[in-house]
Amino acid sequence: MSERRKISIANTNTGRISRRGFMAGAGAAALSLTVAEPRVVRSAGSKVNLGLIGCGGRGTWIADLFRQHGGYNVAAVADYFKDRADNAGEKLGVPATNRFTGLSGYKKLLEKVDAVAIESPPYFHPEQAAAAVEAGCHVYLAKPIAVDVPGCHSIGDSGRRASRNKRCFLVDFQTRADPYYIEALKRLRDGALGDFVFGEAIYHANCPFKRMYDTWRSDPDNSENRLRAWGLDRVLSGDIITEQNIHTLDVMSWIMDAEPVSAVGTGGRTIRPVGTCNDHFELLFEYPNKMSITFSSKQFDGHGTQPDGIRNRMFGSKGVLETEYGGQVILRGENFYRGGSSPGIYKDGAVANIATFHRSIVEGKFNNPTVEPSVRSNLVTILGRTAAYTGRKVRWRQLVKSTEKLDANLKGVKA
C-alpha cells in the first residue's frame, strides 16, 4: 500500500480506517490540593487517564496514537455496540470492567477518566461533549463537531465552559496543525496575496463508506443498522458536506477569516446506490465585498480525472495560494513561498494535536483556540447544505438563528 493511499482521508480505506486539568510540577500540584477535584489531583504528575467514546476504526486507531504518545493511559472505552467496545478494549489493554455499551454507556466512562476522545458519529458530539465538560473532563473532539445549528452553538458553549472551568477542549483538524499550511496562512495574513479576487474549493473522492453498504441494504429501517452504517445516514453523519467536505471548507474559512454572507447551489444522490446522503454538492459561497468561492464535492468514481482530492485555491492581486491535503502547499506570485508537501498529514496532524492537547493540560493552557473556528467552519457546511437542500439562497445571519434540531429517530435502541 502506498503512503499516499494510507494517508488520504479522501480514500475509502483511510478516511474511516474501519473512526481533567493537572498542574505541572510537584509544587504546583501541592498548591492545587485545596481546590482541585479528587480525580484531577490523582493525575497530577502522572499520565492522563483517557476514555475513548466511539470505538470504530478511526476511534480505535486514534486511541492507540494517544497511547503511543506516552502521556496518556487509555483507561476506558465506550461504544453502543459491545463487539466494538470489546475489540477496542482488547487492542488498547482496557479491562472488561471499563468497557461500556449502549447509547448512554459513555456516562459511566466519564466517572473513570480525566479526559475523553470523542470519535462517535457526529450526531452525538454535542451531547457527549457537554456531558464530558460537565463531568470535569478535558475534551478532544473529532470533526465535524455537530450536524445542526443548535449542535454547533452547544459545542461553542461547551468550549467556553471548559475554559472557565480550566479544562482543555481541542477540535482535531489535521490541516490546522500542519506547518506548511500554518506558514502559508501567516504569509497570507501579512498580505502576500494582496487583495482577494476569487477562490475555489473542491473535495473530489470516492465513497469512503462502501464497507457499510451491505449493512445498510440488509435493513435500512433498523436503527442498529443505521448506527453501524452511520456514514450513509444523512442525520447521523450530517451528510457528506458536513462529515467529509468540512476539511476543505475549513481551509476556505481559515483563508477568509470571516463569516460568509450567503450560499446558493445544489446537490443530490445520483450514483450512490444506498443511504440517505447526497453523493455530490455544487455551491457558491459569497463573502463580504462581493468576493465569492466556488465549491464542489463528489463521492463516486472520477475515472482518473484530475485534479482530485481535497484542494483549495485563492486568487489575489499579487499571487495565488494553492493547497492540497496530503499534497503541495504553495504561494505563487510576487511573494513566492515554496512551502512543501505533507503526505503523512492524516496521521501526523492527529499526532501533533494529541501532543498539543497533552501539553495544554500539563501547562494549564485553557484558552482552547480551536473551538471558535471549528464552530464557524461547521456552520459553513450547514449553510451550504441548507442551500442545496432547499434550492434557494441561504443567508448566514438567518442560518445561525436556526433552532431546528435534526432527529435521528433511533427507535428500539438500548440506552
Protein backbone atom coordinates (compact mmCIF):
# COMPACT_ATOMS: atom_id res chain seq x y z
CA MET A 1 0.00 0.00 0.00
CA SER A 2 1.43 3.38 -0.96
CA GLU A 3 1.98 6.19 1.53
CA ARG A 4 -0.49 8.30 -0.42
CA ARG A 5 -3.16 5.65 -0.06
CA LYS A 6 -2.52 5.28 3.63
CA ILE A 7 -2.95 8.92 4.50
CA SER A 8 -5.65 10.18 2.17
CA ILE A 9 -8.90 10.78 4.00
CA ALA A 10 -10.45 11.01 0.57
CA ASN A 11 -9.74 7.30 0.14
CA THR A 12 -12.17 4.57 1.10
CA ASN A 13 -9.68 2.63 3.19
CA THR A 14 -8.32 5.54 5.17
CA GLY A 15 -10.96 8.21 5.62
CA ARG A 16 -12.54 5.83 8.16
CA ILE A 17 -9.99 3.17 8.86
CA SER A 18 -12.84 0.58 9.77
CA ARG A 19 -13.48 6.07 13.21
CA ARG A 20 -9.05 16.60 33.60
CA GLY A 21 -6.50 19.77 34.39
CA PHE A 22 -3.48 18.73 36.30
CA MET A 23 -0.73 21.13 37.12
CA ALA A 24 2.88 20.70 36.07
CA GLY A 25 5.46 20.10 38.77
CA ALA A 26 5.19 18.83 42.31
CA GLY A 27 4.99 22.33 43.78
CA ALA A 28 2.09 23.33 41.57
CA ALA A 29 0.36 20.04 42.28
CA ALA A 30 0.70 20.56 46.00
CA LEU A 31 -0.61 24.09 45.67
CA SER A 32 -3.69 22.79 43.89
CA LEU A 33 -4.65 20.25 46.57
CA THR A 34 -7.13 22.55 48.25
CA VAL A 35 -9.01 23.48 45.09
CA ALA A 36 -8.74 20.61 42.62
CA GLU A 37 -11.19 17.76 42.29
CA PRO A 38 -10.01 14.36 43.58
CA ARG A 39 -9.51 12.83 40.13
CA VAL A 40 -7.51 15.85 38.97
CA VAL A 41 -5.13 15.51 41.91
CA ARG A 42 -4.90 11.77 41.25
CA SER A 43 -3.49 12.51 37.79
CA ALA A 44 -1.04 15.20 38.87
CA GLY A 45 2.45 14.26 37.81
CA SER A 46 1.24 11.07 36.12
CA LYS A 47 -0.38 10.05 32.87
CA VAL A 48 -3.70 11.47 31.80
CA ASN A 49 -6.40 8.83 32.12
CA LEU A 50 -8.19 8.91 28.78
CA GLY A 51 -11.54 7.49 27.77
CA LEU A 52 -12.48 6.68 24.18
CA ILE A 53 -16.08 7.36 23.15
CA GLY A 54 -16.73 5.68 19.81
CA CYS A 55 -14.77 2.51 19.08
CA GLY A 56 -14.96 2.30 15.31
CA GLY A 57 -11.88 2.08 13.13
CA ARG A 58 -10.74 5.68 13.48
CA GLY A 59 -11.58 5.81 17.18
CA THR A 60 -9.51 2.73 17.99
CA TRP A 61 -6.70 3.95 15.72
CA ILE A 62 -6.53 7.39 17.29
CA ALA A 63 -6.73 6.00 20.84
CA ASP A 64 -3.64 3.96 20.01
CA LEU A 65 -1.90 7.19 18.95
CA PHE A 66 -2.77 8.61 22.38
CA ARG A 67 -1.21 5.54 23.96
CA GLN A 68 1.89 5.81 21.79
CA HIS A 69 2.36 9.45 22.88
CA GLY A 70 3.36 8.21 26.33
CA GLY A 71 1.49 10.79 28.35
CA TYR A 72 -1.84 9.02 28.36
CA ASN A 73 -3.31 5.88 29.85
CA VAL A 74 -6.30 4.62 27.85
CA ALA A 75 -8.43 3.69 30.87
CA ALA A 76 -11.92 3.13 29.47
CA VAL A 77 -13.84 2.74 26.22
CA ALA A 78 -17.49 3.19 25.27
CA ASP A 79 -19.47 2.32 22.18
CA TYR A 80 -23.08 1.47 21.50
CA PHE A 81 -22.02 -1.97 20.25
CA LYS A 82 -20.42 -4.49 22.60
CA ASP A 83 -18.32 -6.09 19.87
CA ARG A 84 -16.73 -2.74 19.05
CA ALA A 85 -16.12 -1.86 22.70
CA ASP A 86 -14.55 -5.27 23.29
CA ASN A 87 -12.45 -5.10 20.14
CA ALA A 88 -11.06 -1.69 21.11
CA GLY A 89 -10.65 -2.76 24.71
CA GLU A 90 -8.59 -5.79 23.71
CA LYS A 91 -6.36 -3.76 21.39
CA LEU A 92 -5.87 -0.96 23.91
CA GLY A 93 -5.49 -3.08 27.05
CA VAL A 94 -8.66 -1.81 28.72
CA PRO A 95 -10.13 -4.23 31.30
CA ALA A 96 -13.63 -5.59 30.66
CA THR A 97 -14.96 -3.69 33.68
CA ASN A 98 -14.13 -0.40 31.92
CA ARG A 99 -15.84 -1.20 28.62
CA PHE A 100 -19.26 0.39 28.38
CA THR A 101 -22.08 -0.08 25.89
CA GLY A 102 -25.44 1.40 24.90
CA LEU A 103 -26.26 4.98 23.94
CA SER A 104 -25.60 6.26 27.47
CA GLY A 105 -22.67 3.98 28.27
CA TYR A 106 -20.30 6.91 27.82
CA LYS A 107 -21.72 8.46 31.01
CA LYS A 108 -20.24 5.62 33.05
CA LEU A 109 -16.94 6.14 31.26
CA LEU A 110 -16.87 9.77 32.39
CA GLU A 111 -16.66 8.59 36.00
CA LYS A 112 -13.41 6.77 35.25
CA VAL A 113 -11.29 9.26 33.31
CA ASP A 114 -9.72 12.72 33.26
CA ALA A 115 -10.05 13.31 29.51
CA VAL A 116 -12.07 11.94 26.61
CA ALA A 117 -11.53 11.46 22.92
CA ILE A 118 -14.93 11.67 21.24
CA GLU A 119 -14.93 9.67 17.98
CA SER A 120 -18.59 8.70 17.78
CA PRO A 121 -20.96 9.57 14.90
CA PRO A 122 -21.20 13.38 14.68
CA TYR A 123 -24.89 13.44 15.67
CA PHE A 124 -23.87 12.58 19.25
CA HIS A 125 -20.96 15.02 19.63
CA PRO A 126 -22.75 17.99 21.25
CA GLU A 127 -24.45 15.86 23.91
CA GLN A 128 -21.34 13.86 24.71
CA ALA A 129 -19.05 16.90 24.78
CA ALA A 130 -21.40 18.82 27.06
CA ALA A 131 -21.61 15.85 29.45
CA ALA A 132 -17.83 15.49 29.46
CA VAL A 133 -17.31 19.16 30.32
CA GLU A 134 -19.99 18.91 33.00
CA ALA A 135 -18.11 15.92 34.46
CA GLY A 136 -14.89 17.96 34.59
CA CYS A 137 -13.08 16.20 31.74
CA HIS A 138 -10.78 17.61 29.11
CA VAL A 139 -12.24 17.05 25.64
CA TYR A 140 -10.57 16.01 22.39
CA LEU A 141 -13.28 16.15 19.74
CA ALA A 142 -13.33 14.76 16.23
CA LYS A 143 -14.71 16.82 13.39
CA PRO A 144 -17.41 17.56 12.48
CA ILE A 145 -18.48 18.90 15.82
CA ALA A 146 -22.23 18.72 15.12
CA VAL A 147 -24.85 18.09 12.43
CA ASP A 148 -27.14 21.08 13.02
CA VAL A 149 -27.00 24.74 14.08
CA PRO A 150 -28.07 24.19 17.72
CA GLY A 151 -25.41 21.50 18.00
CA CYS A 152 -22.75 23.92 16.77
CA HIS A 153 -23.83 26.51 19.32
CA SER A 154 -23.78 23.81 22.01
CA ILE A 155 -20.15 22.99 21.19
CA GLY A 156 -19.29 26.69 21.36
CA ASP A 157 -20.92 26.85 24.80
CA SER A 158 -19.09 23.72 25.95
CA GLY A 159 -15.76 25.12 24.78
CA ARG A 160 -16.31 28.36 26.68
CA ARG A 161 -17.42 26.48 29.77
CA ALA A 162 -14.35 24.28 29.58
CA SER A 163 -12.15 27.40 29.56
CA ARG A 164 -13.98 28.84 32.57
CA ASN A 165 -13.55 25.53 34.40
CA LYS A 166 -9.85 25.30 33.49
CA ARG A 167 -10.28 22.37 31.15
CA CYS A 168 -8.90 21.81 27.65
CA PHE A 169 -11.14 21.43 24.63
CA LEU A 170 -9.46 20.68 21.30
CA VAL A 171 -11.08 20.01 17.93
CA ASP A 172 -8.97 17.74 15.72
CA PHE A 173 -8.36 19.32 12.29
CA GLN A 174 -5.13 17.96 10.83
CA THR A 175 -4.55 20.83 8.39
CA ARG A 176 -4.51 23.42 11.16
CA ALA A 177 -1.59 21.57 12.75
CA ASP A 178 0.43 21.31 9.52
CA PRO A 179 3.49 23.61 9.38
CA TYR A 180 3.14 24.39 5.65
CA TYR A 181 -0.50 25.41 6.00
CA ILE A 182 0.32 27.47 9.09
CA GLU A 183 3.18 29.34 7.39
CA ALA A 184 1.23 29.92 4.17
CA LEU A 185 -1.73 31.32 6.07
CA LYS A 186 0.57 33.54 8.13
CA ARG A 187 2.04 34.97 4.94
CA LEU A 188 -1.43 35.43 3.51
CA ARG A 189 -2.42 37.40 6.63
CA ASP A 190 0.69 39.55 6.11
CA GLY A 191 -0.56 40.48 2.65
CA ALA A 192 1.26 38.02 0.40
CA LEU A 193 -1.75 37.68 -1.91
CA GLY A 194 -2.75 41.32 -1.92
CA ASP A 195 -6.48 41.77 -2.44
CA PHE A 196 -8.56 38.61 -2.75
CA VAL A 197 -10.27 38.18 -6.11
CA PHE A 198 -11.98 34.78 -6.02
CA GLY A 199 -11.41 31.27 -4.74
CA GLU A 200 -12.07 27.61 -5.39
CA ALA A 201 -12.56 24.66 -3.04
CA ILE A 202 -13.05 21.02 -4.01
CA TYR A 203 -13.40 17.67 -2.27
CA HIS A 204 -13.42 15.04 -5.00
CA ALA A 205 -13.17 11.46 -3.78
CA ASN A 206 -14.63 8.00 -3.99
CA CYS A 207 -17.12 6.93 -1.33
CA PRO A 208 -15.28 6.15 1.94
CA PHE A 209 -18.25 4.20 3.29
CA LYS A 210 -18.58 1.32 0.82
CA ARG A 211 -17.82 -1.14 3.60
CA MET A 212 -21.18 -0.08 5.11
CA TYR A 213 -23.28 -0.83 2.01
CA ASP A 214 -24.22 -4.40 2.91
CA THR A 215 -25.20 -3.43 6.46
CA TRP A 216 -27.46 -0.70 5.14
CA ARG A 217 -29.01 -2.93 2.50
CA SER A 218 -29.84 -5.67 4.98
CA ASP A 219 -32.43 -3.48 6.73
CA PRO A 220 -32.18 0.30 6.29
CA ASP A 221 -35.07 0.89 8.71
CA ASN A 222 -33.33 -0.90 11.55
CA SER A 223 -31.86 1.66 13.97
CA GLU A 224 -28.90 -0.50 14.91
CA ASN A 225 -28.05 -0.99 11.25
CA ARG A 226 -28.21 2.75 10.79
CA LEU A 227 -25.79 3.17 13.70
CA ARG A 228 -23.36 0.68 12.17
CA ALA A 229 -23.70 2.32 8.74
CA TRP A 230 -23.86 5.87 10.12
CA GLY A 231 -21.70 7.29 7.32
CA LEU A 232 -24.57 6.65 4.89
CA ASP A 233 -27.17 8.29 7.13
CA ARG A 234 -27.92 11.96 6.50
CA VAL A 235 -28.86 12.77 10.11
CA LEU A 236 -26.22 10.73 11.95
CA SER A 237 -23.40 11.99 9.74
CA GLY A 238 -24.63 15.43 8.70
CA ASP A 239 -24.33 14.37 5.03
CA ILE A 240 -21.05 14.33 3.12
CA ILE A 241 -20.71 18.12 3.07
CA THR A 242 -20.54 18.22 6.87
CA GLU A 243 -18.94 14.86 7.64
CA GLN A 244 -16.23 14.85 4.97
CA ASN A 245 -16.20 18.07 2.95
CA ILE A 246 -15.68 20.09 6.14
CA HIS A 247 -11.93 19.62 5.61
CA THR A 248 -11.80 21.77 2.50
CA LEU A 249 -14.50 24.15 3.75
CA ASP A 250 -12.50 24.63 6.97
CA VAL A 251 -9.47 25.66 4.88
CA MET A 252 -11.74 28.02 2.93
CA SER A 253 -13.00 29.53 6.19
CA TRP A 254 -9.42 29.74 7.52
CA ILE A 255 -8.30 31.60 4.40
CA MET A 256 -11.22 34.03 4.52
CA ASP A 257 -11.13 34.54 8.30
CA ALA A 258 -14.68 35.86 8.08
CA GLU A 259 -18.26 34.69 8.04
CA PRO A 260 -19.79 34.15 4.60
CA VAL A 261 -22.73 36.29 3.56
CA SER A 262 -24.71 33.55 1.81
CA ALA A 263 -24.61 30.32 -0.13
CA VAL A 264 -26.54 29.06 -3.12
CA GLY A 265 -26.30 25.83 -5.07
CA THR A 266 -27.48 22.28 -5.44
CA GLY A 267 -26.64 18.66 -4.75
CA GLY A 268 -28.10 15.19 -4.91
CA ARG A 269 -27.67 11.42 -4.84
CA THR A 270 -27.33 10.24 -8.41
CA ILE A 271 -24.82 7.39 -8.32
CA ARG A 272 -24.57 6.01 -4.78
CA PRO A 273 -26.95 3.03 -4.53
CA VAL A 274 -27.75 3.15 -0.81
CA GLY A 275 -28.20 5.56 2.08
CA THR A 276 -29.80 8.95 2.52
CA CYS A 277 -26.76 11.17 1.93
CA ASN A 278 -26.00 13.07 -1.26
CA ASP A 279 -23.09 11.94 -3.40
CA HIS A 280 -22.36 15.43 -4.77
CA PHE A 281 -22.71 19.16 -3.98
CA GLU A 282 -22.07 22.25 -6.11
CA LEU A 283 -22.21 25.63 -4.35
CA LEU A 284 -21.23 29.27 -4.48
CA PHE A 285 -20.27 30.91 -1.18
CA GLU A 286 -20.44 34.70 -1.15
CA TYR A 287 -18.22 36.64 1.25
CA PRO A 288 -18.16 40.37 2.09
CA ASN A 289 -17.07 42.81 -0.62
CA LYS A 290 -18.63 40.61 -3.33
CA MET A 291 -15.85 38.02 -3.01
CA SER A 292 -17.01 34.52 -3.92
CA ILE A 293 -15.68 30.98 -3.68
CA THR A 294 -16.93 28.09 -5.76
CA PHE A 295 -17.18 24.67 -4.11
CA SER A 296 -17.84 21.20 -5.46
CA SER A 297 -17.68 17.73 -3.98
CA LYS A 298 -18.26 14.18 -5.08
CA GLN A 299 -18.12 10.72 -3.56
CA PHE A 300 -18.06 8.46 -6.59
CA ASP A 301 -15.57 7.21 -9.16
CA GLY A 302 -13.96 10.04 -11.12
CA HIS A 303 -12.43 7.61 -13.60
CA GLY A 304 -8.98 9.12 -13.26
CA THR A 305 -9.91 12.75 -13.91
CA GLN A 306 -7.69 15.37 -12.28
CA PRO A 307 -7.45 17.31 -10.10
CA ASP A 308 -8.93 15.04 -7.44
CA GLY A 309 -8.57 15.22 -3.68
CA ILE A 310 -9.04 17.97 -1.12
CA ARG A 311 -7.86 21.23 -2.64
CA ASN A 312 -8.20 24.99 -2.21
CA ARG A 313 -7.08 27.90 -4.36
CA MET A 314 -7.29 31.60 -3.62
CA PHE A 315 -6.54 34.11 -6.35
CA GLY A 316 -5.26 37.53 -5.28
CA SER A 317 -3.92 40.70 -6.84
CA LYS A 318 -0.33 39.66 -6.02
CA GLY A 319 -0.45 35.89 -6.30
CA VAL A 320 -2.25 32.60 -5.82
CA LEU A 321 -2.40 30.28 -2.82
CA GLU A 322 -2.75 26.57 -3.64
CA THR A 323 -3.23 23.85 -1.03
CA GLU A 324 -3.85 20.13 -1.18
CA TYR A 325 -4.49 17.85 1.79
CA GLY A 326 -1.52 15.49 1.75
CA GLY A 327 -0.02 17.33 -1.21
CA GLN A 328 1.63 20.63 -2.10
CA VAL A 329 1.06 23.91 -0.26
CA ILE A 330 2.49 26.82 -2.26
CA LEU A 331 2.19 30.58 -2.71
CA ARG A 332 2.81 31.71 -6.26
CA GLY A 333 3.40 35.25 -7.47
CA GLU A 334 5.16 38.33 -6.12
CA ASN A 335 5.70 36.85 -2.65
CA PHE A 336 6.65 33.32 -3.60
CA TYR A 337 6.66 30.62 -0.89
CA ARG A 338 7.62 27.14 -1.99
CA GLY A 339 6.02 25.53 1.03
CA GLY A 340 6.07 21.79 0.81
CA SER A 341 4.15 18.54 0.84
CA SER A 342 2.83 16.62 3.86
CA PRO A 343 1.95 13.13 2.59
CA GLY A 344 1.57 11.92 6.18
CA ILE A 345 -0.84 14.65 7.24
CA TYR A 346 -3.66 12.28 8.18
CA LYS A 347 -1.58 10.71 10.94
CA ASP A 348 0.93 13.50 11.56
CA GLY A 349 -1.80 16.09 12.13
CA ALA A 350 -3.51 13.86 14.67
CA VAL A 351 -0.19 13.15 16.42
CA ALA A 352 0.53 16.89 16.60
CA ASN A 353 -2.92 17.61 18.02
CA ILE A 354 -2.62 14.84 20.59
CA ALA A 355 0.70 16.34 21.72
CA THR A 356 -0.81 19.84 21.87
CA PHE A 357 -3.73 18.52 23.92
CA HIS A 358 -1.38 16.92 26.45
CA ARG A 359 0.87 19.97 26.62
CA SER A 360 -2.14 22.24 27.19
CA ILE A 361 -3.33 20.05 30.06
CA VAL A 362 0.10 19.88 31.69
CA GLU A 363 0.86 23.58 31.24
CA GLY A 364 -2.61 24.76 32.15
CA LYS A 365 -3.43 26.39 28.82
CA PHE A 366 -7.20 26.62 28.73
CA ASN A 367 -7.87 29.26 26.08
CA ASN A 368 -8.98 26.48 23.70
CA PRO A 369 -8.33 28.32 20.41
CA THR A 370 -9.60 25.56 18.11
CA VAL A 371 -13.23 25.79 19.24
CA GLU A 372 -14.41 29.06 17.70
CA PRO A 373 -13.02 28.49 14.17
CA SER A 374 -14.34 24.92 14.21
CA VAL A 375 -17.83 26.15 15.07
CA ARG A 376 -17.69 28.62 12.19
CA SER A 377 -16.43 26.03 9.71
CA ASN A 378 -19.12 23.56 10.76
CA LEU A 379 -21.78 26.24 10.34
CA VAL A 380 -20.39 26.97 6.85
CA THR A 381 -21.06 23.34 5.89
CA ILE A 382 -24.63 23.59 7.18
CA LEU A 383 -25.12 26.86 5.30
CA GLY A 384 -24.13 25.12 2.06
CA ARG A 385 -26.12 22.00 2.87
CA THR A 386 -29.25 24.02 3.57
CA ALA A 387 -28.87 25.94 0.32
CA ALA A 388 -28.52 22.70 -1.63
CA TYR A 389 -31.45 21.01 0.12
CA THR A 390 -33.81 23.96 -0.32
CA GLY A 391 -32.64 25.15 -3.73
CA ARG A 392 -32.57 28.76 -2.59
CA LYS A 393 -30.04 31.30 -1.41
CA VAL A 394 -29.49 31.00 2.34
CA ARG A 395 -28.05 33.91 4.28
CA TRP A 396 -25.64 33.43 7.16
CA ARG A 397 -27.39 35.82 9.53
CA GLN A 398 -30.58 33.80 9.15
CA LEU A 399 -28.98 30.39 9.36
CA VAL A 400 -27.17 30.99 12.65
CA LYS A 401 -30.51 31.79 14.31
CA SER A 402 -31.98 28.42 13.39
CA THR A 403 -33.35 26.35 16.27
CA GLU A 404 -34.09 23.30 14.12
CA LYS A 405 -32.52 20.17 15.56
CA LEU A 406 -32.12 17.04 13.47
CA ASP A 407 -33.80 13.97 14.96
CA ALA A 408 -32.26 10.58 14.23
CA ASN A 409 -35.40 8.82 15.47
CA LEU A 410 -33.49 5.79 16.71
CA LYS A 411 -36.37 3.50 17.55
CA GLY A 412 -35.70 0.42 19.64
CA VAL A 413 -32.07 1.07 20.54
CA LYS A 414 -30.86 0.26 24.02
CA ALA A 415 -29.97 3.06 26.39
